[in-house]
PDB file of all heavy atoms in Angstrom:
ATOM      1  N   THR A   1       0.639 -31.195  -3.268  1.00  0.00           N
ATOM      2  CA  THR A   1       1.855 -31.012  -4.064  1.00  0.00           C
ATOM      3  C   THR A   1       1.442 -30.708  -5.520  1.00  0.00           C
ATOM      4  O   THR A   1       0.462 -31.268  -6.016  1.00  0.00           O
ATOM      5  CB  THR A   1       2.738 -32.271  -4.013  1.00  0.00           C
ATOM      6  OG1 THR A   1       3.306 -32.387  -2.714  1.00  0.00           O
ATOM      7  CG2 THR A   1       3.879 -32.194  -5.039  1.00  0.00           C
ATOM      8  N   VAL A   2       2.197 -29.859  -6.148  1.00  0.00           N
ATOM      9  CA  VAL A   2       2.019 -29.564  -7.579  1.00  0.00           C
ATOM     10  C   VAL A   2       3.268 -30.049  -8.302  1.00  0.00           C
ATOM     11  O   VAL A   2       4.371 -29.628  -7.993  1.00  0.00           O
ATOM     12  CB  VAL A   2       1.796 -28.056  -7.848  1.00  0.00           C
ATOM     13  CG1 VAL A   2       1.593 -27.809  -9.332  1.00  0.00           C
ATOM     14  CG2 VAL A   2       0.613 -27.535  -7.028  1.00  0.00           C
ATOM     15  N   GLU A   3       3.087 -30.987  -9.241  1.00  0.00           N
ATOM     16  CA  GLU A   3       4.197 -31.493 -10.043  1.00  0.00           C
ATOM     17  C   GLU A   3       3.969 -31.090 -11.491  1.00  0.00           C
ATOM     18  O   GLU A   3       3.053 -31.558 -12.150  1.00  0.00           O
ATOM     19  CB  GLU A   3       4.290 -33.016  -9.929  1.00  0.00           C
ATOM     20  CG  GLU A   3       5.454 -33.592 -10.734  1.00  0.00           C
ATOM     21  CD  GLU A   3       5.527 -35.111 -10.626  1.00  0.00           C
ATOM     22  OE1 GLU A   3       6.120 -35.615  -9.666  1.00  0.00           O
ATOM     23  OE2 GLU A   3       4.953 -35.782 -11.524  1.00  0.00           O
ATOM     24  N   ASP A   4       4.808 -30.176 -11.954  1.00  0.00           N
ATOM     25  CA  ASP A   4       4.760 -29.702 -13.324  1.00  0.00           C
ATOM     26  C   ASP A   4       3.328 -29.304 -13.732  1.00  0.00           C
ATOM     27  O   ASP A   4       2.807 -29.699 -14.779  1.00  0.00           O
ATOM     28  CB  ASP A   4       5.284 -30.750 -14.299  1.00  0.00           C
ATOM     29  CG  ASP A   4       5.609 -30.176 -15.678  1.00  0.00           C
ATOM     30  OD1 ASP A   4       5.838 -28.946 -15.759  1.00  0.00           O
ATOM     31  OD2 ASP A   4       5.593 -30.921 -16.668  1.00  0.00           O
ATOM     32  N   GLY A   5       2.676 -28.526 -12.870  1.00  0.00           N
ATOM     33  CA  GLY A   5       1.358 -27.997 -13.158  1.00  0.00           C
ATOM     34  C   GLY A   5       0.207 -28.927 -12.845  1.00  0.00           C
ATOM     35  O   GLY A   5      -0.960 -28.564 -13.051  1.00  0.00           O
ATOM     36  N   ARG A   6       0.459 -30.122 -12.304  1.00  0.00           N
ATOM     37  CA  ARG A   6      -0.601 -31.047 -11.941  1.00  0.00           C
ATOM     38  C   ARG A   6      -0.747 -31.113 -10.415  1.00  0.00           C
ATOM     39  O   ARG A   6       0.249 -31.301  -9.703  1.00  0.00           O
ATOM     40  CB  ARG A   6      -0.321 -32.447 -12.493  1.00  0.00           C
ATOM     41  CG  ARG A   6      -1.425 -33.458 -12.174  1.00  0.00           C
ATOM     42  CD  ARG A   6      -1.123 -34.799 -12.848  1.00  0.00           C
ATOM     43  NE  ARG A   6      -2.147 -35.777 -12.531  1.00  0.00           N
ATOM     44  CZ  ARG A   6      -2.149 -37.045 -12.965  1.00  0.00           C
ATOM     45  NH1 ARG A   6      -1.169 -37.459 -13.772  1.00  0.00           N
ATOM     46  NH2 ARG A   6      -3.109 -37.894 -12.617  1.00  0.00           N
ATOM     47  N   LEU A   7      -1.965 -30.944  -9.936  1.00  0.00           N
ATOM     48  CA  LEU A   7      -2.255 -30.869  -8.505  1.00  0.00           C
ATOM     49  C   LEU A   7      -2.541 -32.262  -7.946  1.00  0.00           C
ATOM     50  O   LEU A   7      -3.361 -33.013  -8.485  1.00  0.00           O
ATOM     51  CB  LEU A   7      -3.462 -29.957  -8.279  1.00  0.00           C
ATOM     52  CG  LEU A   7      -4.031 -29.881  -6.856  1.00  0.00           C
ATOM     53  CD1 LEU A   7      -3.016 -29.258  -5.891  1.00  0.00           C
ATOM     54  CD2 LEU A   7      -5.342 -29.079  -6.851  1.00  0.00           C
ATOM     55  N   TYR A   8      -1.863 -32.588  -6.828  1.00  0.00           N
ATOM     56  CA  TYR A   8      -2.125 -33.827  -6.099  1.00  0.00           C
ATOM     57  C   TYR A   8      -2.482 -33.487  -4.632  1.00  0.00           C
ATOM     58  O   TYR A   8      -1.822 -32.651  -4.011  1.00  0.00           O
ATOM     59  CB  TYR A   8      -0.885 -34.728  -6.090  1.00  0.00           C
ATOM     60  CG  TYR A   8      -0.491 -35.282  -7.421  1.00  0.00           C
ATOM     61  CD1 TYR A   8       0.387 -34.602  -8.250  1.00  0.00           C
ATOM     62  CD2 TYR A   8      -0.994 -36.501  -7.861  1.00  0.00           C
ATOM     63  CE1 TYR A   8       0.778 -35.115  -9.476  1.00  0.00           C
ATOM     64  CE2 TYR A   8      -0.626 -37.027  -9.093  1.00  0.00           C
ATOM     65  CZ  TYR A   8       0.259 -36.343  -9.891  1.00  0.00           C
ATOM     66  OH  TYR A   8       0.641 -36.846 -11.107  1.00  0.00           O
ATOM     67  N   PHE A   9      -3.480 -34.171  -4.106  1.00  0.00           N
ATOM     68  CA  PHE A   9      -3.847 -34.018  -2.691  1.00  0.00           C
ATOM     69  C   PHE A   9      -3.201 -35.150  -1.915  1.00  0.00           C
ATOM     70  O   PHE A   9      -3.400 -36.330  -2.218  1.00  0.00           O
ATOM     71  CB  PHE A   9      -5.374 -34.059  -2.537  1.00  0.00           C
ATOM     72  CG  PHE A   9      -6.061 -32.856  -3.131  1.00  0.00           C
ATOM     73  CD1 PHE A   9      -6.466 -32.857  -4.457  1.00  0.00           C
ATOM     74  CD2 PHE A   9      -6.290 -31.715  -2.364  1.00  0.00           C
ATOM     75  CE1 PHE A   9      -7.095 -31.742  -5.008  1.00  0.00           C
ATOM     76  CE2 PHE A   9      -6.907 -30.598  -2.914  1.00  0.00           C
ATOM     77  CZ  PHE A   9      -7.311 -30.624  -4.236  1.00  0.00           C
ATOM     78  N   LEU A  10      -2.411 -34.794  -0.889  1.00  0.00           N
ATOM     79  CA  LEU A  10      -1.644 -35.780  -0.140  1.00  0.00           C
ATOM     80  C   LEU A  10      -2.325 -36.191   1.161  1.00  0.00           C
ATOM     81  O   LEU A  10      -2.213 -37.332   1.581  1.00  0.00           O
ATOM     82  CB  LEU A  10      -0.243 -35.238   0.172  1.00  0.00           C
ATOM     83  CG  LEU A  10       0.629 -34.872  -1.019  1.00  0.00           C
ATOM     84  CD1 LEU A  10       2.035 -34.494  -0.540  1.00  0.00           C
ATOM     85  CD2 LEU A  10       0.698 -35.992  -2.030  1.00  0.00           C
ATOM     86  N   GLN A  11      -2.951 -35.258   1.848  1.00  0.00           N
ATOM     87  CA  GLN A  11      -3.640 -35.618   3.085  1.00  0.00           C
ATOM     88  C   GLN A  11      -4.593 -34.480   3.493  1.00  0.00           C
ATOM     89  O   GLN A  11      -4.437 -33.335   3.069  1.00  0.00           O
ATOM     90  CB  GLN A  11      -2.672 -35.907   4.203  1.00  0.00           C
ATOM     91  CG  GLN A  11      -1.981 -34.684   4.794  1.00  0.00           C
ATOM     92  CD  GLN A  11      -1.171 -35.041   6.059  1.00  0.00           C
ATOM     93  OE1 GLN A  11      -0.167 -35.711   5.981  1.00  0.00           O
ATOM     94  NE2 GLN A  11      -1.632 -34.581   7.190  1.00  0.00           N
ATOM     95  N   THR A  12      -5.542 -34.840   4.322  1.00  0.00           N
ATOM     96  CA  THR A  12      -6.413 -33.838   4.924  1.00  0.00           C
ATOM     97  C   THR A  12      -6.752 -34.284   6.349  1.00  0.00           C
ATOM     98  O   THR A  12      -6.718 -35.471   6.649  1.00  0.00           O
ATOM     99  CB  THR A  12      -7.718 -33.628   4.100  1.00  0.00           C
ATOM    100  OG1 THR A  12      -8.436 -32.507   4.639  1.00  0.00           O
ATOM    101  CG2 THR A  12      -8.616 -34.853   4.165  1.00  0.00           C
ATOM    102  N   ARG A  13      -7.011 -33.333   7.186  1.00  0.00           N
ATOM    103  CA  ARG A  13      -7.405 -33.614   8.561  1.00  0.00           C
ATOM    104  C   ARG A  13      -8.213 -32.442   9.074  1.00  0.00           C
ATOM    105  O   ARG A  13      -8.142 -31.335   8.513  1.00  0.00           O
ATOM    106  CB  ARG A  13      -6.188 -33.840   9.454  1.00  0.00           C
ATOM    107  CG  ARG A  13      -5.216 -32.687   9.477  1.00  0.00           C
ATOM    108  CD  ARG A  13      -3.969 -33.013  10.282  1.00  0.00           C
ATOM    109  NE  ARG A  13      -2.902 -32.068   9.987  1.00  0.00           N
ATOM    110  CZ  ARG A  13      -1.636 -32.388   9.837  1.00  0.00           C
ATOM    111  NH1 ARG A  13      -1.237 -33.634   9.957  1.00  0.00           N
ATOM    112  NH2 ARG A  13      -0.713 -31.476   9.556  1.00  0.00           N
ATOM    113  N   ALA A  14      -8.962 -32.678  10.129  1.00  0.00           N
ATOM    114  CA  ALA A  14      -9.674 -31.566  10.769  1.00  0.00           C
ATOM    115  C   ALA A  14      -8.651 -30.528  11.202  1.00  0.00           C
ATOM    116  O   ALA A  14      -7.640 -30.850  11.830  1.00  0.00           O
ATOM    117  CB  ALA A  14     -10.472 -32.073  11.960  1.00  0.00           C
ATOM    118  N   ALA A  15      -8.893 -29.277  10.865  1.00  0.00           N
ATOM    119  CA  ALA A  15      -7.909 -28.224  11.115  1.00  0.00           C
ATOM    120  C   ALA A  15      -7.777 -27.957  12.610  1.00  0.00           C
ATOM    121  O   ALA A  15      -8.775 -27.776  13.306  1.00  0.00           O
ATOM    122  CB  ALA A  15      -8.335 -26.943  10.405  1.00  0.00           C
ATOM    123  N   LYS A  16      -6.517 -27.942  13.092  1.00  0.00           N
ATOM    124  CA  LYS A  16      -6.256 -27.455  14.446  1.00  0.00           C
ATOM    125  C   LYS A  16      -6.519 -25.950  14.414  1.00  0.00           C
ATOM    126  O   LYS A  16      -6.092 -25.268  13.497  1.00  0.00           O
ATOM    127  CB  LYS A  16      -4.818 -27.743  14.852  1.00  0.00           C
ATOM    128  CG  LYS A  16      -4.415 -29.212  14.778  1.00  0.00           C
ATOM    129  CD  LYS A  16      -5.228 -30.094  15.687  1.00  0.00           C
ATOM    130  CE  LYS A  16      -4.748 -31.539  15.620  1.00  0.00           C
ATOM    131  NZ  LYS A  16      -5.626 -32.455  16.401  1.00  0.00           N
ATOM    132  N   ARG A  17      -7.190 -25.439  15.435  1.00  0.00           N
ATOM    133  CA  ARG A  17      -7.625 -24.043  15.393  1.00  0.00           C
ATOM    134  C   ARG A  17      -7.556 -23.434  16.781  1.00  0.00           C
ATOM    135  O   ARG A  17      -7.539 -24.164  17.797  1.00  0.00           O
ATOM    136  CB  ARG A  17      -9.051 -23.978  14.841  1.00  0.00           C
ATOM    137  CG  ARG A  17     -10.072 -24.691  15.715  1.00  0.00           C
ATOM    138  CD  ARG A  17     -11.291 -25.171  14.979  1.00  0.00           C
ATOM    139  NE  ARG A  17     -11.019 -26.341  14.155  1.00  0.00           N
ATOM    140  CZ  ARG A  17     -11.940 -27.047  13.507  1.00  0.00           C
ATOM    141  NH1 ARG A  17     -13.208 -26.709  13.571  1.00  0.00           N
ATOM    142  NH2 ARG A  17     -11.613 -28.093  12.800  1.00  0.00           N
ATOM    143  N   THR A  18      -7.518 -22.120  16.836  1.00  0.00           N
ATOM    144  CA  THR A  18      -7.545 -21.439  18.110  1.00  0.00           C
ATOM    145  C   THR A  18      -8.944 -21.598  18.726  1.00  0.00           C
ATOM    146  O   THR A  18      -9.931 -21.870  18.015  1.00  0.00           O
ATOM    147  CB  THR A  18      -7.248 -19.943  17.951  1.00  0.00           C
ATOM    148  OG1 THR A  18      -8.307 -19.359  17.177  1.00  0.00           O
ATOM    149  CG2 THR A  18      -5.915 -19.684  17.272  1.00  0.00           C
ATOM    150  N   PRO A  19      -9.065 -21.437  20.031  1.00  0.00           N
ATOM    151  CA  PRO A  19     -10.401 -21.512  20.651  1.00  0.00           C
ATOM    152  C   PRO A  19     -11.396 -20.523  20.028  1.00  0.00           C
ATOM    153  O   PRO A  19     -12.552 -20.854  19.821  1.00  0.00           O
ATOM    154  CB  PRO A  19     -10.126 -21.197  22.129  1.00  0.00           C
ATOM    155  CG  PRO A  19      -8.714 -21.678  22.338  1.00  0.00           C
ATOM    156  CD  PRO A  19      -7.999 -21.356  21.070  1.00  0.00           C
ATOM    157  N   LEU A  20     -10.933 -19.308  19.726  1.00  0.00           N
ATOM    158  CA  LEU A  20     -11.804 -18.315  19.104  1.00  0.00           C
ATOM    159  C   LEU A  20     -12.257 -18.788  17.735  1.00  0.00           C
ATOM    160  O   LEU A  20     -13.445 -18.670  17.361  1.00  0.00           O
ATOM    161  CB  LEU A  20     -11.115 -16.963  19.006  1.00  0.00           C
ATOM    162  CG  LEU A  20     -11.898 -15.839  18.321  1.00  0.00           C
ATOM    163  CD1 LEU A  20     -13.174 -15.541  19.094  1.00  0.00           C
ATOM    164  CD2 LEU A  20     -11.039 -14.582  18.199  1.00  0.00           C
ATOM    165  N   ALA A  21     -11.333 -19.342  16.951  1.00  0.00           N
ATOM    166  CA  ALA A  21     -11.692 -19.861  15.628  1.00  0.00           C
ATOM    167  C   ALA A  21     -12.663 -21.034  15.759  1.00  0.00           C
ATOM    168  O   ALA A  21     -13.587 -21.164  14.959  1.00  0.00           O
ATOM    169  CB  ALA A  21     -10.432 -20.298  14.866  1.00  0.00           C
ATOM    170  N   ALA A  22     -12.457 -21.894  16.741  1.00  0.00           N
ATOM    171  CA  ALA A  22     -13.364 -23.012  16.961  1.00  0.00           C
ATOM    172  C   ALA A  22     -14.773 -22.524  17.178  1.00  0.00           C
ATOM    173  O   ALA A  22     -15.751 -23.087  16.659  1.00  0.00           O
ATOM    174  CB  ALA A  22     -12.875 -23.840  18.147  1.00  0.00           C
ATOM    175  N   LEU A  23     -14.921 -21.453  17.962  1.00  0.00           N
ATOM    176  CA  LEU A  23     -16.229 -20.871  18.235  1.00  0.00           C
ATOM    177  C   LEU A  23     -16.900 -20.371  16.960  1.00  0.00           C
ATOM    178  O   LEU A  23     -18.051 -20.699  16.644  1.00  0.00           O
ATOM    179  CB  LEU A  23     -16.076 -19.737  19.226  1.00  0.00           C
ATOM    180  CG  LEU A  23     -17.315 -18.934  19.629  1.00  0.00           C
ATOM    181  CD1 LEU A  23     -18.291 -19.822  20.383  1.00  0.00           C
ATOM    182  CD2 LEU A  23     -16.932 -17.727  20.466  1.00  0.00           C
ATOM    183  N   ARG A  24     -16.164 -19.579  16.189  1.00  0.00           N
ATOM    184  CA  ARG A  24     -16.725 -18.999  14.968  1.00  0.00           C
ATOM    185  C   ARG A  24     -17.032 -20.058  13.913  1.00  0.00           C
ATOM    186  O   ARG A  24     -18.069 -19.996  13.240  1.00  0.00           O
ATOM    187  CB  ARG A  24     -15.743 -17.953  14.399  1.00  0.00           C
ATOM    188  CG  ARG A  24     -15.676 -16.706  15.243  1.00  0.00           C
ATOM    189  CD  ARG A  24     -14.649 -15.728  14.737  1.00  0.00           C
ATOM    190  NE  ARG A  24     -14.716 -14.477  15.491  1.00  0.00           N
ATOM    191  CZ  ARG A  24     -13.796 -13.525  15.442  1.00  0.00           C
ATOM    192  NH1 ARG A  24     -12.724 -13.685  14.670  1.00  0.00           N
ATOM    193  NH2 ARG A  24     -13.934 -12.427  16.159  1.00  0.00           N
ATOM    194  N   ILE A  25     -16.145 -21.045  13.768  1.00  0.00           N
ATOM    195  CA  ILE A  25     -16.362 -22.091  12.777  1.00  0.00           C
ATOM    196  C   ILE A  25     -17.591 -22.905  13.113  1.00  0.00           C
ATOM    197  O   ILE A  25     -18.400 -23.230  12.247  1.00  0.00           O
ATOM    198  CB  ILE A  25     -15.079 -22.969  12.637  1.00  0.00           C
ATOM    199  CG1 ILE A  25     -13.969 -22.185  11.951  1.00  0.00           C
ATOM    200  CG2 ILE A  25     -15.398 -24.255  11.859  1.00  0.00           C
ATOM    201  CD1 ILE A  25     -12.615 -22.862  12.005  1.00  0.00           C
ATOM    202  N   ALA A  26     -17.749 -23.251  14.377  1.00  0.00           N
ATOM    203  CA  ALA A  26     -18.911 -24.047  14.778  1.00  0.00           C
ATOM    204  C   ALA A  26     -20.215 -23.301  14.465  1.00  0.00           C
ATOM    205  O   ALA A  26     -21.148 -23.896  13.915  1.00  0.00           O
ATOM    206  CB  ALA A  26     -18.828 -24.375  16.272  1.00  0.00           C
ATOM    207  N   VAL A  27     -20.249 -22.023  14.780  1.00  0.00           N
ATOM    208  CA  VAL A  27     -21.469 -21.235  14.504  1.00  0.00           C
ATOM    209  C   VAL A  27     -21.713 -21.155  12.999  1.00  0.00           C
ATOM    210  O   VAL A  27     -22.843 -21.334  12.519  1.00  0.00           O
ATOM    211  CB  VAL A  27     -21.336 -19.829  15.136  1.00  0.00           C
ATOM    212  CG1 VAL A  27     -22.473 -18.921  14.654  1.00  0.00           C
ATOM    213  CG2 VAL A  27     -21.354 -19.925  16.652  1.00  0.00           C
TER     214      VAL A  27
END
């Protein structure tokens, strides 16, 4: 979220990805 020009990180998680993306990301 950005509040009046200030950046806040709310959450992160391992990205859900397509099988093809999983292959390329792993390599």
